[in-house]
Amino acid sequence: MKKETAKVNAEFQGIRDRARLKQQEFVEDEERRLNAFLRSTDDENAKADAIKRSDEAIKKSKDELSSY
């Protein structure tokens, strides 16, 4: 029974590790997209909106990860 529990725990740890990596990749991709957009426009309102949306998306992904 202990071996099975250890195996299940190891599998879940692997899943959690992969989820953290995917979340970090999402953050990096979101930052790249945001920076590209910020360089492409002079509209300050659009920039502020993009920053707000990006921050919200990153926060949501981190919240979802921590509930996992």
Protein backbone atom coordinates (compact mmCIF):
# COMPACT_ATOMS: atom_id res chain seq x y z
CA MET A 1 0.00 0.00 0.00
CA LYS A 2 2.84 2.43 0.82
CA LYS A 3 4.41 1.86 -2.60
CA GLU A 4 1.11 2.66 -4.33
CA THR A 5 0.66 5.80 -2.26
CA ALA A 6 4.22 6.89 -3.04
CA LYS A 7 3.65 6.24 -6.74
CA VAL A 8 0.42 8.27 -6.76
CA ASN A 9 2.10 11.09 -4.84
CA ALA A 10 4.98 11.12 -7.33
CA GLU A 11 2.55 11.25 -10.26
CA PHE A 12 0.64 14.14 -8.71
CA GLN A 13 3.88 15.97 -8.00
CA GLY A 14 4.81 15.57 -11.65
CA ILE A 15 1.45 16.98 -12.68
CA ARG A 16 1.86 19.94 -10.32
CA ASP A 17 5.38 20.59 -11.63
CA ARG A 18 4.15 20.55 -15.24
CA ALA A 19 1.29 22.89 -14.33
CA ARG A 20 3.76 25.35 -12.77
CA LEU A 21 5.93 25.24 -15.89
CA LYS A 22 2.93 25.82 -18.15
CA GLN A 23 1.80 28.73 -16.00
CA GLN A 24 5.28 30.28 -16.16
CA GLU A 25 5.29 29.84 -19.94
CA PHE A 26 1.92 31.58 -20.06
CA VAL A 27 3.28 34.52 -18.05
CA GLU A 28 6.31 34.81 -20.34
CA ASP A 29 4.14 34.64 -23.47
CA GLU A 30 1.72 37.20 -22.06
CA GLU A 31 4.60 39.56 -21.29
CA ARG A 32 5.98 39.17 -24.83
CA ARG A 33 2.56 39.86 -26.37
CA LEU A 34 2.04 42.87 -24.13
CA ASN A 35 5.46 44.32 -24.87
CA ALA A 36 4.94 43.86 -28.61
CA PHE A 37 1.59 45.63 -28.40
CA LEU A 38 2.98 48.47 -26.28
CA ARG A 39 5.71 49.07 -28.86
CA SER A 40 3.17 49.05 -31.68
CA THR A 41 0.84 51.80 -30.45
CA ASP A 42 1.01 55.34 -29.19
CA ASP A 43 -2.53 55.27 -27.79
CA GLU A 44 -2.09 55.65 -24.03
CA ASN A 45 -5.63 54.46 -23.29
CA ALA A 46 -5.07 51.30 -25.33
CA LYS A 47 -1.76 50.73 -23.55
CA ALA A 48 -3.37 51.13 -20.12
CA ASP A 49 -6.17 48.76 -21.08
CA ALA A 50 -3.71 46.19 -22.41
CA ILE A 51 -1.63 46.35 -19.24
CA LYS A 52 -4.74 45.94 -17.08
CA ARG A 53 -5.96 42.97 -19.12
CA SER A 54 -2.55 41.33 -19.08
CA ASP A 55 -2.20 41.78 -15.32
CA GLU A 56 -5.66 40.29 -14.80
CA ALA A 57 -4.90 37.30 -17.02
CA ILE A 58 -1.63 36.61 -15.20
CA LYS A 59 -3.30 36.97 -11.79
CA LYS A 60 -6.10 34.62 -12.84
CA SER A 61 -3.63 32.00 -14.06
CA LYS A 62 -1.66 32.22 -10.79
CA ASP A 63 -4.86 31.95 -8.75
CA GLU A 64 -5.98 28.92 -10.73
CA LEU A 65 -2.57 27.30 -10.24
CA SER A 66 -2.61 27.85 -6.50
CA SER A 67 -6.02 26.21 -6.26
CA TYR A 68 -4.56 23.19 -8.03
